[in-house]
Amino acid sequence: MDRARPNVLFVCVDALRSDFAFGDYGADKPLFEFFEREGTAFDTMVAAASSTTPCVASYMTGTYPPDHGVLSLRDFSLAEDATTLAEAFDAAGYDTSASVTGPITDDTGLNAGFDRYDYRERDTTVYTDWFDEYRRELDEAEGPWFRYLHLWEAHVHKDLPPDADGDEIDYDAAVRGVFEKVQRLLEVVDLSETVVAITGDHGEAFADGTWRHRAAIIGFNQVPIPFTDKRTRNVRSDVYDQYLRPRGIETEEWYNSLRKASATEFPNAFHRIGHGYHVYDFLTRVPFAVAGPGVSNGGRVNDQVRSVDIFPTLLDAAGVDRPDGVSGQDLLSGSIDHRPAHVRAVGASGERERWLDGVRYDGWKYIQGRNRELCQLFDLESDPEELENVADEFPEVVERLRGIVDEHVARERQLETTAVSEGAEQRMTSRLEDLGYL
């Protein structure tokens, strides 16, 4: 292999929260201890959204949805002028392949640049023969190669390892199990010749295992009050618009009052399970870690970075030219600029007026709804769990951050996207139903 062109293995664990990846909650995670020891691990990477497809498109292109065109799970036309990681590696002479699952089918256009784009059904997990075959092929691959692996075991319908027991939170057991499998992949990878990176596309909210939280989750799922309502496919339910809004009741403030009273050990208690309905940190703060030739030993880094930074980071680490127009920055360059991190909640709804937009910047998180009155501002230094909305107390901060968000949304409205074909739309609707989104 040409040592000037290292192999690149890029793994995404779907729905991977940063706090659980680093072992801040739940069991210790030797996988991220390895990256802290052998490379650099970032614990505050902000995802572009809280749903899979726009998140993957963002780190695969180094741009945000208004640029790459993949706006949601259902608006998934990749812009013709977008360049994917696979296309950049392919142009540099790499053998490129992906093994994916979930909603990122080839209809999304995210297969661009891959010599092979293998889609796995939901029941093909790391606990099946598929994983052993993938590991064998990775061991025998001739470089230089680029491999993208998307794993689904920690998603809402979790796949637990055989040794899971009732003492673990299901989510933590799922993360632990999939991490153990990733460590097995590292056993067949030569780190002197291979850049290895791991991230999550977005975070996750889940039951904490207590009867109180499980009862609350059941109640929240039965009463159509939360942002995501599968019965109406709206990001905010019609019940809110008809009954609560006229009375001045803000659903999120009600939720947060329950979260404050719950006294559980980690954020998200007494909230909807899953993702896609909001942009709180437990839904959008993900880890990113990288190790391999030329990667400095930076340990654990707390600086805020963005998922769009993955694109230039991996290309620069491999010595591959990057295209113009990239929003991200190389995180291994030795100097990280603090830039606004855009976030959005789009769920599986095609009704854009019900989406949420936000920005995480300068220690603040600002969130607003499209065509409705939701306005939230959180001081992340004093309130990292985002429980106290201080928008009324800091109108000047709201105005400044709103300007950043409005400019971002305005770019989206100017975006000219290719219409999704009827066949592709039908296939995606069927896929989202199979995956439990609809």
Protein backbone atom coordinates (compact mmCIF):
# COMPACT_ATOMS: atom_id res chain seq x y z
CA MET A 1 0.00 0.00 0.00
CA ASP A 2 1.14 3.56 -0.72
CA ARG A 3 1.88 4.85 2.78
CA ALA A 4 1.10 8.37 1.62
CA ARG A 5 -2.48 7.16 1.21
CA PRO A 6 -3.68 5.54 4.44
CA ASN A 7 -6.82 3.46 4.54
CA VAL A 8 -9.83 5.09 6.19
CA LEU A 9 -12.44 3.28 8.30
CA PHE A 10 -15.36 5.51 9.26
CA VAL A 11 -17.97 4.08 11.65
CA CYS A 12 -21.26 5.68 12.64
CA VAL A 13 -23.23 4.22 15.54
CA ASP A 14 -26.76 5.46 14.95
CA ALA A 15 -28.32 7.35 17.90
CA LEU A 16 -25.02 7.53 19.81
CA ARG A 17 -25.05 10.11 22.60
CA SER A 18 -21.75 11.66 23.62
CA ASP A 19 -22.33 11.32 27.37
CA PHE A 20 -22.88 7.57 27.15
CA ALA A 21 -20.13 7.02 24.56
CA PHE A 22 -17.52 8.49 26.90
CA GLY A 23 -18.89 6.65 29.93
CA ASP A 24 -20.02 9.82 31.72
CA TYR A 25 -23.18 7.81 32.37
CA GLY A 26 -23.61 4.07 32.37
CA ALA A 27 -20.78 1.59 32.07
CA ASP A 28 -17.16 2.45 31.28
CA LYS A 29 -16.43 2.48 27.56
CA PRO A 30 -12.95 1.09 26.73
CA LEU A 31 -13.45 1.96 23.05
CA PHE A 32 -13.38 5.70 23.66
CA GLU A 33 -10.64 5.30 26.23
CA PHE A 34 -8.62 3.81 23.36
CA PHE A 35 -9.26 6.83 21.15
CA GLU A 36 -8.38 9.22 23.97
CA ARG A 37 -5.12 7.34 24.46
CA GLU A 38 -4.17 6.75 20.82
CA GLY A 39 -5.74 9.71 19.04
CA THR A 40 -8.12 12.58 19.65
CA ALA A 41 -11.70 12.36 20.92
CA PHE A 42 -14.18 15.24 20.78
CA ASP A 43 -17.02 15.08 23.30
CA THR A 44 -19.06 18.05 22.04
CA MET A 45 -19.73 17.53 18.36
CA VAL A 46 -23.05 19.08 17.34
CA ALA A 47 -25.07 17.13 14.79
CA ALA A 48 -26.78 19.01 11.98
CA ALA A 49 -30.17 17.55 12.93
CA SER A 50 -31.81 15.03 15.23
CA SER A 51 -32.76 12.66 12.38
CA THR A 52 -30.51 10.29 10.47
CA THR A 53 -30.64 11.23 6.79
CA PRO A 54 -29.84 14.97 7.00
CA CYS A 55 -27.17 14.20 9.60
CA VAL A 56 -25.42 11.63 7.42
CA ALA A 57 -25.64 13.90 4.37
CA SER A 58 -24.05 16.71 6.40
CA TYR A 59 -20.96 14.82 7.52
CA MET A 60 -20.69 13.06 4.16
CA THR A 61 -20.51 16.39 2.33
CA GLY A 62 -19.13 18.79 4.93
CA THR A 63 -22.10 21.09 4.35
CA TYR A 64 -25.47 21.82 5.96
CA PRO A 65 -28.92 20.86 4.57
CA PRO A 66 -29.47 24.22 2.82
CA ASP A 67 -26.36 23.38 0.78
CA HIS A 68 -26.55 19.62 0.21
CA GLY A 69 -30.34 19.47 -0.20
CA VAL A 70 -31.17 16.54 2.09
CA LEU A 71 -33.57 18.40 4.36
CA SER A 72 -35.33 15.60 6.24
CA LEU A 73 -36.17 11.92 6.20
CA ARG A 74 -38.67 12.58 3.40
CA ASP A 75 -36.95 15.45 1.54
CA PHE A 76 -33.84 13.60 0.49
CA SER A 77 -32.63 14.84 -2.90
CA LEU A 78 -28.86 15.23 -2.67
CA ALA A 79 -27.83 18.35 -4.59
CA GLU A 80 -26.13 17.65 -7.89
CA ASP A 81 -23.17 19.87 -7.00
CA ALA A 82 -22.59 18.19 -3.62
CA THR A 83 -19.40 16.14 -3.32
CA THR A 84 -19.47 13.18 -0.95
CA LEU A 85 -16.60 11.71 1.03
CA ALA A 86 -16.77 8.62 -1.15
CA GLU A 87 -16.49 10.70 -4.33
CA ALA A 88 -13.44 12.51 -2.98
CA PHE A 89 -11.75 9.25 -1.99
CA ASP A 90 -12.74 7.60 -5.26
CA ALA A 91 -11.17 10.46 -7.22
CA ALA A 92 -7.96 9.89 -5.25
CA GLY A 93 -7.83 6.25 -6.32
CA TYR A 94 -9.37 4.62 -3.26
CA ASP A 95 -11.52 1.50 -3.28
CA THR A 96 -14.74 2.67 -1.65
CA SER A 97 -17.55 0.69 -0.06
CA ALA A 98 -20.33 1.19 2.47
CA SER A 99 -22.42 -1.11 4.60
CA VAL A 100 -25.51 0.78 5.74
CA THR A 101 -28.96 0.37 7.19
CA GLY A 102 -31.87 2.51 8.40
CA PRO A 103 -33.25 5.21 6.09
CA ILE A 104 -30.04 5.89 4.12
CA THR A 105 -30.95 3.80 1.09
CA ASP A 106 -29.49 4.44 -2.35
CA ASP A 107 -32.58 6.52 -3.16
CA THR A 108 -31.08 9.28 -1.01
CA GLY A 109 -28.13 9.71 -3.36
CA LEU A 110 -25.72 9.08 -0.49
CA ASN A 111 -24.35 6.10 -2.40
CA ALA A 112 -22.57 8.55 -4.73
CA GLY A 113 -18.90 7.64 -5.10
CA PHE A 114 -19.12 4.20 -3.52
CA ASP A 115 -17.98 1.26 -5.61
CA ARG A 116 -20.25 -0.89 -3.45
CA TYR A 117 -23.17 0.30 -1.34
CA ASP A 118 -24.59 -2.63 0.60
CA TYR A 119 -27.88 -2.12 2.43
CA ARG A 120 -28.65 -4.36 5.42
CA GLU A 121 -32.15 -5.11 6.65
CA ARG A 122 -32.90 -4.28 10.26
CA ASP A 123 -32.49 -7.85 11.50
CA THR A 124 -28.94 -8.07 10.12
CA THR A 125 -27.08 -6.92 13.21
CA VAL A 126 -23.56 -7.20 14.60
CA TYR A 127 -24.76 -10.35 16.38
CA THR A 128 -25.33 -12.24 13.12
CA ASP A 129 -23.00 -13.97 10.67
CA TRP A 130 -22.91 -10.78 8.62
CA PHE A 131 -20.53 -9.16 11.12
CA ASP A 132 -17.99 -11.98 10.99
CA GLU A 133 -18.04 -11.83 7.20
CA TYR A 134 -17.58 -8.05 7.25
CA ARG A 135 -14.65 -8.38 9.64
CA ARG A 136 -13.03 -11.00 7.42
CA GLU A 137 -13.40 -8.84 4.32
CA LEU A 138 -11.93 -5.87 6.18
CA ASP A 139 -8.95 -7.97 7.19
CA GLU A 140 -8.33 -9.07 3.60
CA ALA A 141 -8.97 -5.74 1.85
CA GLU A 142 -6.14 -4.29 -0.22
CA GLY A 143 -5.56 -0.58 0.17
CA PRO A 144 -5.88 2.18 -0.15
CA TRP A 145 -9.54 1.81 0.79
CA PHE A 146 -12.32 3.87 2.33
CA ARG A 147 -14.98 2.00 4.31
CA TYR A 148 -18.14 3.49 5.79
CA LEU A 149 -20.03 1.38 8.31
CA HIS A 150 -23.41 2.47 9.70
CA LEU A 151 -24.58 0.49 12.75
CA TRP A 152 -28.16 0.45 14.05
CA GLU A 153 -28.09 -1.51 17.31
CA ALA A 154 -28.52 1.50 19.65
CA HIS A 155 -31.48 2.92 17.71
CA VAL A 156 -34.96 3.11 19.27
CA HIS A 157 -35.68 -0.60 18.78
CA LYS A 158 -32.47 -1.70 20.42
CA ASP A 159 -30.52 -4.89 19.71
CA LEU A 160 -28.88 -6.02 22.93
CA PRO A 161 -25.78 -8.18 23.36
CA PRO A 162 -26.31 -11.77 24.54
CA ASP A 163 -24.91 -10.97 28.00
CA ALA A 164 -27.28 -8.05 28.66
CA ASP A 165 -29.16 -8.28 31.94
CA GLY A 166 -31.83 -6.37 33.78
CA ASP A 167 -29.30 -4.34 35.75
CA GLU A 168 -28.34 -2.27 32.70
CA ILE A 169 -30.34 0.42 30.97
CA ASP A 170 -31.18 -1.07 27.58
CA TYR A 171 -29.61 1.84 25.72
CA ASP A 172 -26.34 1.53 27.63
CA ALA A 173 -26.26 -2.22 27.04
CA ALA A 174 -26.83 -1.68 23.32
CA VAL A 175 -24.00 0.87 23.13
CA ARG A 176 -21.66 -1.37 25.13
CA GLY A 177 -22.42 -4.32 22.88
CA VAL A 178 -21.84 -2.50 19.61
CA PHE A 179 -18.64 -0.92 20.97
CA GLU A 180 -17.30 -4.38 21.75
CA LYS A 181 -17.91 -5.33 18.12
CA VAL A 182 -16.16 -2.20 16.84
CA GLN A 183 -13.19 -3.13 19.02
CA ARG A 184 -13.11 -6.48 17.23
CA LEU A 185 -12.85 -4.63 13.93
CA LEU A 186 -9.89 -2.66 15.26
CA GLU A 187 -8.12 -5.96 15.92
CA VAL A 188 -7.81 -6.56 12.16
CA VAL A 189 -6.92 -2.97 11.25
CA ASP A 190 -3.30 -1.80 11.15
CA LEU A 191 -3.39 1.62 12.80
CA SER A 192 -0.02 2.49 11.29
CA GLU A 193 -1.70 2.35 7.87
CA THR A 194 -5.33 3.18 8.68
CA VAL A 195 -7.18 6.24 9.92
CA VAL A 196 -10.09 5.08 12.07
CA ALA A 197 -12.95 7.40 13.01
CA ILE A 198 -16.20 6.91 14.90
CA THR A 199 -19.19 9.15 15.52
CA GLY A 200 -22.94 9.18 16.06
CA ASP A 201 -25.37 10.73 13.61
CA HIS A 202 -27.59 12.15 16.38
CA GLY A 203 -28.47 11.41 20.01
CA GLU A 204 -31.37 9.61 21.66
CA ALA A 205 -33.89 9.89 24.47
CA PHE A 206 -34.86 6.67 26.23
CA ALA A 207 -36.49 5.26 29.33
CA ASP A 208 -34.20 5.21 32.36
CA GLY A 209 -35.50 1.85 33.55
CA THR A 210 -37.57 3.13 36.48
CA TRP A 211 -41.27 2.35 36.71
CA ARG A 212 -42.03 6.06 37.03
CA HIS A 213 -40.35 6.92 33.74
CA ARG A 214 -41.81 3.92 31.92
CA ALA A 215 -45.30 4.93 33.06
CA ALA A 216 -44.70 8.49 31.92
CA ILE A 217 -43.42 7.32 28.53
CA ILE A 218 -46.52 5.17 28.03
CA GLY A 219 -48.73 8.11 28.89
CA PHE A 220 -46.86 10.51 26.61
CA ASN A 221 -47.08 8.07 23.72
CA GLN A 222 -50.82 7.61 24.18
CA VAL A 223 -51.72 11.29 24.48
CA PRO A 224 -50.80 13.18 21.27
CA ILE A 225 -49.14 16.16 22.93
CA PRO A 226 -45.42 15.77 22.08
CA PHE A 227 -43.65 17.28 19.10
CA THR A 228 -43.65 14.07 17.12
CA ASP A 229 -47.06 12.43 16.69
CA LYS A 230 -47.02 9.32 14.51
CA ARG A 231 -50.76 9.48 14.05
CA THR A 232 -50.70 12.88 12.35
CA ARG A 233 -47.05 12.79 11.20
CA ASN A 234 -46.76 16.32 12.52
CA VAL A 235 -43.74 17.55 14.46
CA ARG A 236 -46.17 19.20 16.87
CA SER A 237 -49.56 17.57 17.38
CA ASP A 238 -52.86 19.08 16.38
CA VAL A 239 -54.03 18.68 19.98
CA TYR A 240 -51.52 21.34 21.02
CA ASP A 241 -52.66 23.74 18.32
CA GLN A 242 -56.34 23.27 19.15
CA TYR A 243 -56.39 23.08 22.94
CA LEU A 244 -53.13 24.04 24.66
CA ARG A 245 -51.85 26.89 22.54
CA PRO A 246 -54.97 29.09 22.98
CA ARG A 247 -54.54 28.74 26.75
CA GLY A 248 -50.93 29.89 26.60
CA ILE A 249 -49.56 26.49 27.65
CA GLU A 250 -46.12 25.78 26.18
CA THR A 251 -45.69 22.02 25.91
CA GLU A 252 -41.91 22.12 26.18
CA GLU A 253 -42.06 24.13 29.40
CA TRP A 254 -44.43 21.51 30.81
CA TYR A 255 -42.04 18.75 29.79
CA ASN A 256 -39.09 20.54 31.32
CA SER A 257 -40.94 21.01 34.60
CA LEU A 258 -41.28 17.22 34.73
CA ARG A 259 -37.62 16.77 33.86
CA LYS A 260 -36.60 19.09 36.70
CA ALA A 261 -38.74 17.15 39.16
CA SER A 262 -37.61 13.70 38.06
CA ALA A 263 -34.16 13.74 39.72
CA THR A 264 -32.68 11.04 37.46
CA GLU A 265 -28.96 10.74 36.94
CA PHE A 266 -28.81 11.75 33.26
CA PRO A 267 -30.57 14.24 30.94
CA ASN A 268 -33.80 13.41 29.07
CA ALA A 269 -35.87 11.93 31.92
CA PHE A 270 -39.62 12.38 31.46
CA HIS A 271 -39.38 13.18 27.79
CA ARG A 272 -40.36 11.42 24.58
CA ILE A 273 -38.21 8.46 23.70
CA GLY A 274 -36.48 8.45 20.35
CA HIS A 275 -35.28 11.48 18.42
CA GLY A 276 -36.22 13.86 15.63
CA TYR A 277 -38.72 15.90 17.65
CA HIS A 278 -36.38 18.51 19.18
CA VAL A 279 -32.77 19.68 19.26
CA TYR A 280 -31.84 19.39 22.94
CA ASP A 281 -28.25 18.29 23.53
CA PHE A 282 -29.26 14.74 24.40
CA LEU A 283 -30.60 14.57 20.82
CA THR A 284 -27.86 16.46 18.96
CA ARG A 285 -24.60 16.22 20.96
CA VAL A 286 -22.57 13.33 19.61
CA PRO A 287 -18.99 12.08 19.98
CA PHE A 288 -16.30 12.06 17.33
CA ALA A 289 -12.99 10.27 17.72
CA VAL A 290 -10.14 9.58 15.33
CA ALA A 291 -6.83 7.73 15.48
CA GLY A 292 -4.22 6.54 13.00
CA PRO A 293 -1.13 7.70 11.12
CA GLY A 294 -0.49 11.40 11.48
CA VAL A 295 -3.25 11.88 14.06
CA SER A 296 -1.94 13.70 17.10
CA ASN A 297 -2.64 12.46 20.61
CA GLY A 298 -5.01 15.17 21.78
CA GLY A 299 -6.85 13.14 24.40
CA ARG A 300 -10.39 14.23 25.16
CA VAL A 301 -11.31 17.62 23.72
CA ASN A 302 -14.22 19.62 25.18
CA ASP A 303 -14.35 22.35 22.52
CA GLN A 304 -17.57 22.57 20.53
CA VAL A 305 -17.16 21.21 17.01
CA ARG A 306 -19.67 20.31 14.30
CA SER A 307 -20.51 17.19 12.33
CA VAL A 308 -19.75 19.05 9.09
CA ASP A 309 -16.13 19.12 10.32
CA ILE A 310 -15.79 15.36 9.79
CA PHE A 311 -15.56 15.72 6.00
CA PRO A 312 -12.43 17.94 5.87
CA THR A 313 -10.88 16.19 8.88
CA LEU A 314 -10.89 12.76 7.24
CA LEU A 315 -9.81 14.04 3.83
CA ASP A 316 -6.94 16.04 5.30
CA ALA A 317 -5.87 13.11 7.49
CA ALA A 318 -5.60 10.97 4.35
CA GLY A 319 -3.92 13.68 2.29
CA VAL A 320 -6.84 13.84 -0.14
CA ASP A 321 -7.82 17.11 -1.78
CA ARG A 322 -11.12 18.55 -0.62
CA PRO A 323 -13.59 20.43 -2.83
CA ASP A 324 -14.49 24.10 -2.52
CA GLY A 325 -17.53 25.28 -0.61
CA VAL A 326 -17.10 23.07 2.45
CA SER A 327 -18.62 24.44 5.68
CA GLY A 328 -16.48 22.35 8.01
CA GLN A 329 -12.91 22.70 9.25
CA ASP A 330 -10.08 20.23 9.84
CA LEU A 331 -10.23 19.36 13.53
CA LEU A 332 -6.67 18.01 13.54
CA SER A 333 -5.03 21.15 12.18
CA GLY A 334 -4.01 22.35 15.64
CA SER A 335 -6.38 25.31 15.71
CA ILE A 336 -10.16 25.09 16.00
CA ASP A 337 -12.31 28.10 15.18
CA HIS A 338 -15.47 28.41 17.24
CA ARG A 339 -18.28 28.57 14.70
CA PRO A 340 -22.09 28.49 14.97
CA ALA A 341 -23.45 24.95 14.99
CA HIS A 342 -26.79 24.78 13.21
CA VAL A 343 -29.36 22.20 14.35
CA ARG A 344 -32.83 21.24 13.21
CA ALA A 345 -35.70 18.94 14.17
CA VAL A 346 -37.68 17.68 11.21
CA GLY A 347 -38.92 14.25 12.28
CA ALA A 348 -40.58 12.34 9.46
CA SER A 349 -42.87 15.25 8.64
CA GLY A 350 -42.94 16.90 5.25
CA GLU A 351 -44.69 19.95 6.71
CA ARG A 352 -41.84 22.40 6.95
CA GLU A 353 -43.82 24.97 8.92
CA ARG A 354 -43.71 22.52 11.83
CA TRP A 355 -39.94 22.08 11.85
CA LEU A 356 -37.62 23.48 14.52
CA ASP A 357 -34.39 25.36 13.83
CA GLY A 358 -31.66 26.33 16.23
CA VAL A 359 -28.05 27.27 16.75
CA ARG A 360 -25.53 26.34 19.45
CA TYR A 361 -22.98 29.14 19.77
CA ASP A 362 -21.00 31.12 22.34
CA GLY A 363 -22.32 29.02 25.22
CA TRP A 364 -25.96 29.46 24.23
CA LYS A 365 -28.56 27.23 22.58
CA TYR A 366 -31.29 29.10 20.73
CA ILE A 367 -34.32 27.27 19.28
CA GLN A 368 -37.27 28.57 17.30
CA GLY A 369 -40.22 27.10 15.48
CA ARG A 370 -41.20 27.89 11.92
CA ASN A 371 -44.46 29.81 11.67
CA ARG A 372 -45.24 29.42 15.36
CA GLU A 373 -44.27 31.02 18.61
CA LEU A 374 -41.78 28.60 20.13
CA CYS A 375 -38.70 30.51 21.28
CA GLN A 376 -36.21 28.90 23.66
CA LEU A 377 -32.84 30.12 24.89
CA PHE A 378 -30.59 28.13 27.22
CA ASP A 379 -27.41 29.22 28.98
CA LEU A 380 -25.40 26.03 28.53
CA GLU A 381 -22.76 26.98 31.08
CA SER A 382 -25.17 27.37 33.99
CA ASP A 383 -27.89 25.06 32.61
CA PRO A 384 -26.27 22.25 30.57
CA GLU A 385 -29.42 20.13 30.78
CA GLU A 386 -31.45 22.89 29.08
CA LEU A 387 -34.20 23.14 31.68
CA GLU A 388 -34.58 26.90 32.15
CA ASN A 389 -35.75 28.92 29.16
CA VAL A 390 -34.17 32.36 29.62
CA ALA A 391 -35.32 33.93 26.34
CA ASP A 392 -37.24 36.68 28.13
CA GLU A 393 -34.22 37.57 30.26
CA PHE A 394 -31.75 37.97 27.38
CA PRO A 395 -33.59 39.55 24.44
CA GLU A 396 -30.34 40.84 22.94
CA VAL A 397 -28.94 37.29 22.76
CA VAL A 398 -32.19 36.05 21.23
CA GLU A 399 -32.03 38.76 18.58
CA ARG A 400 -28.42 37.98 17.68
CA LEU A 401 -28.89 34.22 17.45
CA ARG A 402 -32.24 34.54 15.70
CA GLY A 403 -30.46 36.46 12.96
CA ILE A 404 -28.03 33.57 12.48
CA VAL A 405 -30.87 31.05 12.32
CA ASP A 406 -33.02 33.16 10.00
CA GLU A 407 -30.15 33.57 7.57
CA HIS A 408 -29.60 29.81 7.57
CA VAL A 409 -33.29 29.07 6.93
CA ALA A 410 -33.42 31.72 4.18
CA ARG A 411 -30.67 29.86 2.32
CA GLU A 412 -32.78 26.72 2.44
CA ARG A 413 -35.74 28.52 0.90
CA GLN A 414 -33.52 29.56 -2.00
CA LEU A 415 -32.37 25.99 -2.54
CA GLU A 416 -33.37 24.43 -5.83
CA THR A 417 -33.77 20.70 -5.27
CA THR A 418 -34.58 17.92 -7.66
CA ALA A 419 -38.02 16.51 -6.99
CA VAL A 420 -38.03 13.05 -5.45
CA SER A 421 -39.51 10.58 -7.91
CA GLU A 422 -42.83 8.99 -7.07
CA GLY A 423 -41.24 5.55 -6.90
CA ALA A 424 -38.47 6.72 -4.59
CA GLU A 425 -40.98 8.50 -2.36
CA GLN A 426 -43.12 5.38 -2.09
CA ARG A 427 -40.09 3.22 -1.30
CA MET A 428 -38.92 5.65 1.38
CA THR A 429 -42.39 5.84 2.94
CA SER A 430 -42.49 2.06 3.12
CA ARG A 431 -38.98 1.97 4.57
CA LEU A 432 -39.83 4.57 7.24
CA GLU A 433 -42.92 2.58 8.19
CA ASP A 434 -40.79 -0.57 8.54
CA LEU A 435 -38.32 1.32 10.72
CA GLY A 436 -41.07 2.69 12.98
CA TYR A 437 -40.85 6.35 11.96
CA LEU A 438 -44.40 6.43 10.58
